[in-house]
Amino acid sequence: MAVNKYDDIKIFKIISYLGLWIVGLFVKQKNDKKLKFHVGQGIILSIYCVASNLVKIIITELANSIFKYEYNILGIKTVVLHLNTMGKIIVTTVSLVQVLSIILFAIIGIRNVLNDKQKELPIIGRFSFYN
């Protein structure tokens, strides 16, 4: 079975949502309108990944400073950055929301490619600047 140029473009569109959108910038079909759209959505998804990771780091650091255990060792009060139960719940929840949202956005984008639709990703897709 031969791979035609439309299958190539579809592959480039799909990998745009897997963090490899840079490939779509340099292929010979880079001026294809639909490819540019999906590359733009992939770029926004990558920016979202970085931004949400920064938010997660900030929340984790806040949780580390607020929800920490204090130990007494030989009568000396020491602070060890070890989260108590509430801190663990907060950090785990934030991490879970981040990972699941990234996976969900990627699945939605890939589904749009497979259905040959140019539909923006929910919430973050409207910020695309590469079309």
N, C-alpha and C. Protein backbone atom coordinates (compact mmCIF):
# COMPACT_ATOMS: atom_id res chain seq x y z
N MET A 1 0.83 -1.18 0.00
CA MET A 1 0.00 0.00 0.00
C MET A 1 0.88 1.25 0.00
N ALA A 2 0.68 2.09 -0.94
CA ALA A 2 1.48 3.31 -1.08
C ALA A 2 0.91 4.41 -0.18
N VAL A 3 1.79 5.23 0.35
CA VAL A 3 1.39 6.36 1.17
C VAL A 3 1.30 7.57 0.26
N ASN A 4 0.12 8.19 0.21
CA ASN A 4 -0.01 9.37 -0.64
C ASN A 4 0.30 10.64 0.16
N LYS A 5 0.30 11.76 -0.52
CA LYS A 5 0.70 13.01 0.13
C LYS A 5 -0.29 13.43 1.21
N TYR A 6 -1.55 13.03 1.09
CA TYR A 6 -2.54 13.39 2.10
C TYR A 6 -2.31 12.62 3.39
N ASP A 7 -1.82 11.37 3.29
CA ASP A 7 -1.45 10.62 4.48
C ASP A 7 -0.25 11.24 5.16
N ASP A 8 0.72 11.72 4.38
CA ASP A 8 1.89 12.40 4.94
C ASP A 8 1.45 13.63 5.73
N ILE A 9 0.60 14.43 5.14
CA ILE A 9 0.13 15.65 5.80
C ILE A 9 -0.63 15.29 7.08
N LYS A 10 -1.43 14.24 7.03
CA LYS A 10 -2.20 13.82 8.21
C LYS A 10 -1.24 13.40 9.33
N ILE A 11 -0.17 12.72 8.98
CA ILE A 11 0.82 12.32 9.99
C ILE A 11 1.46 13.55 10.61
N PHE A 12 1.81 14.54 9.79
CA PHE A 12 2.41 15.77 10.31
C PHE A 12 1.42 16.51 11.21
N LYS A 13 0.14 16.48 10.87
CA LYS A 13 -0.88 17.12 11.70
C LYS A 13 -0.97 16.41 13.05
N ILE A 14 -0.98 15.09 13.03
CA ILE A 14 -1.10 14.32 14.27
C ILE A 14 0.10 14.55 15.18
N ILE A 15 1.31 14.50 14.63
CA ILE A 15 2.48 14.66 15.50
C ILE A 15 2.60 16.09 16.04
N SER A 16 1.87 17.02 15.44
CA SER A 16 1.85 18.38 15.98
C SER A 16 1.28 18.40 17.39
N TYR A 17 0.35 17.50 17.68
CA TYR A 17 -0.27 17.44 19.00
C TYR A 17 0.55 16.59 19.98
N LEU A 18 1.60 15.98 19.50
CA LEU A 18 2.46 15.16 20.35
C LEU A 18 3.77 15.87 20.68
N GLY A 19 3.80 17.18 20.47
CA GLY A 19 4.97 17.97 20.81
C GLY A 19 5.98 18.09 19.68
N LEU A 20 5.70 17.48 18.54
CA LEU A 20 6.65 17.52 17.42
C LEU A 20 6.17 18.47 16.32
N TRP A 21 5.53 19.55 16.69
CA TRP A 21 4.98 20.51 15.72
C TRP A 21 6.07 21.16 14.88
N ILE A 22 7.29 21.19 15.39
CA ILE A 22 8.39 21.82 14.65
C ILE A 22 8.61 21.13 13.30
N VAL A 23 8.30 19.83 13.22
CA VAL A 23 8.45 19.10 11.96
C VAL A 23 7.55 19.73 10.90
N GLY A 24 6.34 20.11 11.30
CA GLY A 24 5.39 20.72 10.37
C GLY A 24 5.83 22.06 9.82
N LEU A 25 6.77 22.69 10.50
CA LEU A 25 7.27 23.99 10.03
C LEU A 25 8.25 23.85 8.88
N PHE A 26 8.83 22.66 8.72
CA PHE A 26 9.91 22.50 7.75
C PHE A 26 9.63 21.50 6.63
N VAL A 27 8.45 20.87 6.64
CA VAL A 27 8.16 19.91 5.56
C VAL A 27 7.79 20.66 4.30
N LYS A 28 7.83 19.96 3.18
CA LYS A 28 7.55 20.65 1.91
C LYS A 28 6.09 21.10 1.80
N GLN A 29 5.19 20.48 2.56
CA GLN A 29 3.77 20.88 2.54
C GLN A 29 3.46 21.93 3.59
N LYS A 30 4.48 22.64 4.08
CA LYS A 30 4.30 23.56 5.20
C LYS A 30 3.31 24.69 4.92
N ASN A 31 3.00 24.96 3.67
CA ASN A 31 2.05 26.02 3.34
C ASN A 31 0.60 25.54 3.25
N ASP A 32 0.38 24.24 3.50
CA ASP A 32 -0.97 23.70 3.53
C ASP A 32 -1.74 24.36 4.67
N LYS A 33 -2.91 24.90 4.35
CA LYS A 33 -3.69 25.67 5.32
C LYS A 33 -4.06 24.85 6.55
N LYS A 34 -4.50 23.62 6.33
CA LYS A 34 -4.91 22.77 7.45
C LYS A 34 -3.70 22.34 8.29
N LEU A 35 -2.58 22.07 7.64
CA LEU A 35 -1.38 21.71 8.38
C LEU A 35 -0.95 22.88 9.27
N LYS A 36 -0.97 24.08 8.73
CA LYS A 36 -0.60 25.26 9.51
C LYS A 36 -1.52 25.43 10.72
N PHE A 37 -2.82 25.17 10.50
CA PHE A 37 -3.77 25.29 11.60
C PHE A 37 -3.40 24.33 12.74
N HIS A 38 -3.17 23.06 12.40
CA HIS A 38 -2.88 22.06 13.43
C HIS A 38 -1.50 22.27 14.05
N VAL A 39 -0.54 22.76 13.28
CA VAL A 39 0.76 23.11 13.86
C VAL A 39 0.57 24.23 14.87
N GLY A 40 -0.25 25.21 14.54
CA GLY A 40 -0.54 26.31 15.47
C GLY A 40 -1.18 25.82 16.75
N GLN A 41 -2.10 24.88 16.63
CA GLN A 41 -2.73 24.31 17.81
C GLN A 41 -1.71 23.51 18.64
N GLY A 42 -0.81 22.83 17.95
CA GLY A 42 0.24 22.09 18.65
C GLY A 42 1.19 23.01 19.39
N ILE A 43 1.49 24.16 18.80
CA ILE A 43 2.36 25.14 19.46
C ILE A 43 1.69 25.64 20.74
N ILE A 44 0.40 25.96 20.65
CA ILE A 44 -0.34 26.43 21.82
C ILE A 44 -0.38 25.35 22.89
N LEU A 45 -0.55 24.10 22.48
CA LEU A 45 -0.57 23.00 23.45
C LEU A 45 0.80 22.89 24.14
N SER A 46 1.88 23.07 23.42
CA SER A 46 3.21 23.04 24.02
C SER A 46 3.40 24.20 25.00
N ILE A 47 2.94 25.37 24.63
CA ILE A 47 3.02 26.53 25.52
C ILE A 47 2.20 26.27 26.79
N TYR A 48 1.02 25.66 26.61
CA TYR A 48 0.18 25.31 27.76
C TYR A 48 0.92 24.32 28.67
N CYS A 49 1.62 23.36 28.09
CA CYS A 49 2.38 22.38 28.89
C CYS A 49 3.41 23.08 29.77
N VAL A 50 4.15 24.00 29.18
CA VAL A 50 5.18 24.72 29.93
C VAL A 50 4.54 25.60 31.00
N ALA A 51 3.49 26.35 30.62
CA ALA A 51 2.84 27.26 31.57
C ALA A 51 2.20 26.49 32.73
N SER A 52 1.52 25.39 32.42
CA SER A 52 0.88 24.62 33.48
C SER A 52 1.93 23.96 34.38
N ASN A 53 3.07 23.62 33.83
CA ASN A 53 4.14 23.06 34.65
C ASN A 53 4.70 24.12 35.60
N LEU A 54 4.82 25.35 35.13
CA LEU A 54 5.28 26.43 36.00
C LEU A 54 4.30 26.67 37.14
N VAL A 55 3.00 26.65 36.81
CA VAL A 55 1.96 26.81 37.84
C VAL A 55 2.05 25.67 38.85
N LYS A 56 2.25 24.45 38.35
CA LYS A 56 2.36 23.30 39.25
C LYS A 56 3.57 23.44 40.16
N ILE A 57 4.68 23.93 39.64
CA ILE A 57 5.88 24.13 40.47
C ILE A 57 5.61 25.16 41.56
N ILE A 58 4.95 26.25 41.19
CA ILE A 58 4.64 27.30 42.17
C ILE A 58 3.72 26.76 43.26
N ILE A 59 2.68 26.03 42.85
CA ILE A 59 1.76 25.47 43.84
C ILE A 59 2.46 24.45 44.73
N THR A 60 3.34 23.65 44.16
CA THR A 60 4.09 22.68 44.95
C THR A 60 4.99 23.38 45.97
N GLU A 61 5.65 24.45 45.55
CA GLU A 61 6.51 25.19 46.47
C GLU A 61 5.69 25.85 47.58
N LEU A 62 4.53 26.39 47.22
CA LEU A 62 3.66 26.97 48.25
C LEU A 62 3.20 25.90 49.22
N ALA A 63 2.82 24.75 48.70
CA ALA A 63 2.39 23.65 49.57
C ALA A 63 3.53 23.20 50.45
N ASN A 64 4.75 23.18 49.91
CA ASN A 64 5.92 22.80 50.72
C ASN A 64 6.15 23.77 51.87
N SER A 65 5.88 25.04 51.63
CA SER A 65 6.11 26.03 52.69
C SER A 65 4.95 26.12 53.68
N ILE A 66 3.75 25.77 53.25
CA ILE A 66 2.58 25.87 54.13
C ILE A 66 2.30 24.56 54.86
N PHE A 67 2.33 23.46 54.13
CA PHE A 67 1.93 22.17 54.69
C PHE A 67 3.16 21.29 54.94
N LYS A 68 3.94 21.66 55.92
CA LYS A 68 5.15 20.89 56.19
C LYS A 68 5.11 20.35 57.61
N TYR A 69 5.86 19.31 57.81
CA TYR A 69 6.02 18.73 59.13
C TYR A 69 7.13 19.45 59.87
N GLU A 70 6.98 19.56 61.17
CA GLU A 70 8.08 20.03 62.01
C GLU A 70 8.45 18.89 62.94
N TYR A 71 9.70 18.59 63.00
CA TYR A 71 10.19 17.50 63.83
C TYR A 71 10.98 18.05 65.01
N ASN A 72 10.91 17.36 66.13
CA ASN A 72 11.78 17.64 67.27
C ASN A 72 12.80 16.54 67.36
N ILE A 73 14.04 16.89 67.21
CA ILE A 73 15.12 15.92 67.32
C ILE A 73 15.98 16.34 68.50
N LEU A 74 15.96 15.52 69.53
CA LEU A 74 16.70 15.80 70.76
C LEU A 74 16.33 17.17 71.34
N GLY A 75 15.04 17.49 71.26
CA GLY A 75 14.56 18.75 71.80
C GLY A 75 14.79 19.95 70.92
N ILE A 76 15.39 19.74 69.76
CA ILE A 76 15.66 20.85 68.83
C ILE A 76 14.60 20.80 67.73
N LYS A 77 13.91 21.91 67.54
CA LYS A 77 12.87 21.98 66.51
C LYS A 77 13.53 22.10 65.14
N THR A 78 13.23 21.16 64.29
CA THR A 78 13.77 21.20 62.93
C THR A 78 12.61 21.15 61.95
N VAL A 79 12.83 21.71 60.81
CA VAL A 79 11.81 21.72 59.76
C VAL A 79 12.35 20.90 58.60
N VAL A 80 11.58 19.91 58.23
CA VAL A 80 11.93 19.08 57.08
C VAL A 80 10.85 19.28 56.04
N LEU A 81 11.23 19.61 54.82
CA LEU A 81 10.23 19.83 53.77
C LEU A 81 9.62 18.48 53.36
N HIS A 82 8.66 18.09 54.13
CA HIS A 82 7.95 16.85 53.87
C HIS A 82 6.47 17.17 54.00
N LEU A 83 5.72 16.99 52.95
CA LEU A 83 4.32 17.39 52.94
C LEU A 83 3.48 16.52 53.87
N ASN A 84 2.56 17.18 54.56
CA ASN A 84 1.59 16.41 55.32
C ASN A 84 0.48 15.96 54.36
N THR A 85 -0.53 15.34 54.88
CA THR A 85 -1.58 14.76 54.03
C THR A 85 -2.26 15.81 53.16
N MET A 86 -2.60 16.95 53.71
CA MET A 86 -3.28 17.99 52.94
C MET A 86 -2.39 18.49 51.81
N GLY A 87 -1.13 18.69 52.08
CA GLY A 87 -0.20 19.12 51.04
C GLY A 87 -0.08 18.10 49.93
N LYS A 88 -0.03 16.82 50.31
CA LYS A 88 0.05 15.75 49.31
C LYS A 88 -1.20 15.72 48.44
N ILE A 89 -2.35 15.93 49.04
CA ILE A 89 -3.61 15.95 48.28
C ILE A 89 -3.61 17.09 47.27
N ILE A 90 -3.20 18.26 47.71
CA ILE A 90 -3.18 19.43 46.82
C ILE A 90 -2.21 19.22 45.66
N VAL A 91 -0.99 18.80 45.96
CA VAL A 91 0.02 18.61 44.91
C VAL A 91 -0.40 17.51 43.95
N THR A 92 -0.94 16.42 44.47
CA THR A 92 -1.39 15.31 43.62
C THR A 92 -2.54 15.74 42.73
N THR A 93 -3.48 16.49 43.27
CA THR A 93 -4.62 16.95 42.48
C THR A 93 -4.18 17.88 41.36
N VAL A 94 -3.31 18.82 41.67
CA VAL A 94 -2.81 19.75 40.65
C VAL A 94 -2.07 18.99 39.56
N SER A 95 -1.23 18.05 39.95
CA SER A 95 -0.48 17.26 38.97
C SER A 95 -1.41 16.44 38.09
N LEU A 96 -2.41 15.83 38.70
CA LEU A 96 -3.37 15.02 37.96
C LEU A 96 -4.16 15.86 36.96
N VAL A 97 -4.62 17.03 37.39
CA VAL A 97 -5.37 17.92 36.50
C VAL A 97 -4.48 18.35 35.33
N GLN A 98 -3.23 18.66 35.61
CA GLN A 98 -2.32 19.09 34.56
C GLN A 98 -2.12 17.98 33.52
N VAL A 99 -1.78 16.80 33.97
CA VAL A 99 -1.49 15.70 33.04
C VAL A 99 -2.74 15.31 32.26
N LEU A 100 -3.87 15.18 32.95
CA LEU A 100 -5.10 14.78 32.26
C LEU A 100 -5.56 15.83 31.25
N SER A 101 -5.38 17.12 31.57
CA SER A 101 -5.79 18.16 30.63
C SER A 101 -4.91 18.13 29.38
N ILE A 102 -3.62 17.90 29.54
CA ILE A 102 -2.72 17.82 28.39
C ILE A 102 -3.09 16.63 27.51
N ILE A 103 -3.32 15.48 28.13
CA ILE A 103 -3.70 14.29 27.38
C ILE A 103 -5.03 14.51 26.67
N LEU A 104 -5.99 15.11 27.36
CA LEU A 104 -7.31 15.37 26.76
C LEU A 104 -7.20 16.32 25.57
N PHE A 105 -6.42 17.40 25.71
CA PHE A 105 -6.25 18.33 24.59
C PHE A 105 -5.60 17.63 23.39
N ALA A 106 -4.60 16.80 23.65
CA ALA A 106 -3.94 16.07 22.56
C ALA A 106 -4.91 15.12 21.87
N ILE A 107 -5.72 14.42 22.65
CA ILE A 107 -6.70 13.48 22.07
C ILE A 107 -7.72 14.24 21.23
N ILE A 108 -8.20 15.36 21.74
CA ILE A 108 -9.17 16.17 20.98
C ILE A 108 -8.55 16.64 19.67
N GLY A 109 -7.32 17.12 19.73
CA GLY A 109 -6.64 17.59 18.51
C GLY A 109 -6.45 16.46 17.50
N ILE A 110 -6.01 15.30 17.96
CA ILE A 110 -5.80 14.16 17.05
C ILE A 110 -7.13 13.70 16.48
N ARG A 111 -8.17 13.70 17.30
CA ARG A 111 -9.50 13.33 16.80
C ARG A 111 -9.96 14.30 15.71
N ASN A 112 -9.69 15.57 15.89
CA ASN A 112 -10.05 16.56 14.86
C ASN A 112 -9.30 16.30 13.56
N VAL A 113 -8.02 15.92 13.68
CA VAL A 113 -7.24 15.59 12.48
C VAL A 113 -7.85 14.39 11.77
N LEU A 114 -8.15 13.35 12.52
CA LEU A 114 -8.68 12.12 11.93
C LEU A 114 -10.05 12.34 11.30
N ASN A 115 -10.82 13.29 11.84
CA ASN A 115 -12.14 13.62 11.27
C ASN A 115 -12.05 14.75 10.25
N ASP A 116 -10.83 15.17 9.91
CA ASP A 116 -10.57 16.23 8.94
C ASP A 116 -11.30 17.53 9.29
N LYS A 117 -11.21 17.92 10.56
CA LYS A 117 -11.83 19.15 11.03
C LYS A 117 -10.76 20.14 11.46
N GLN A 118 -11.05 21.40 11.27
CA GLN A 118 -10.19 22.48 11.75
C GLN A 118 -10.89 23.14 12.93
N LYS A 119 -10.92 22.45 14.03
CA LYS A 119 -11.61 22.93 15.23
C LYS A 119 -10.57 23.26 16.29
N GLU A 120 -10.72 24.42 16.91
CA GLU A 120 -9.78 24.83 17.94
C GLU A 120 -9.89 23.94 19.17
N LEU A 121 -8.78 23.80 19.86
CA LEU A 121 -8.79 23.09 21.13
C LEU A 121 -9.63 23.89 22.13
N PRO A 122 -10.34 23.22 23.02
CA PRO A 122 -11.13 23.96 24.00
C PRO A 122 -10.24 24.83 24.89
N ILE A 123 -10.71 25.97 25.24
CA ILE A 123 -10.09 26.93 26.16
C ILE A 123 -8.80 27.55 25.60
N ILE A 124 -7.81 26.74 25.26
CA ILE A 124 -6.50 27.28 24.87
C ILE A 124 -6.36 27.51 23.37
N GLY A 125 -7.18 26.87 22.56
CA GLY A 125 -7.03 26.91 21.11
C GLY A 125 -7.20 28.27 20.48
N ARG A 126 -7.96 29.12 21.12
CA ARG A 126 -8.22 30.44 20.52
C ARG A 126 -7.00 31.35 20.59
N PHE A 127 -5.99 30.96 21.36
CA PHE A 127 -4.79 31.78 21.49
C PHE A 127 -3.74 31.46 20.43
N SER A 128 -4.09 30.61 19.50
CA SER A 128 -3.14 30.23 18.45
C SER A 128 -2.75 31.45 17.62
N PHE A 129 -1.48 31.56 17.33
CA PHE A 129 -0.98 32.69 16.55
C PHE A 129 -0.34 32.25 15.25
N TYR A 130 -0.29 30.96 15.00
CA TYR A 130 0.32 30.47 13.76
C TYR A 130 -0.75 29.77 12.94
N ASN A 131 -1.28 30.47 11.96
CA ASN A 131 -2.31 29.91 11.08
C ASN A 131 -1.95 30.15 9.64
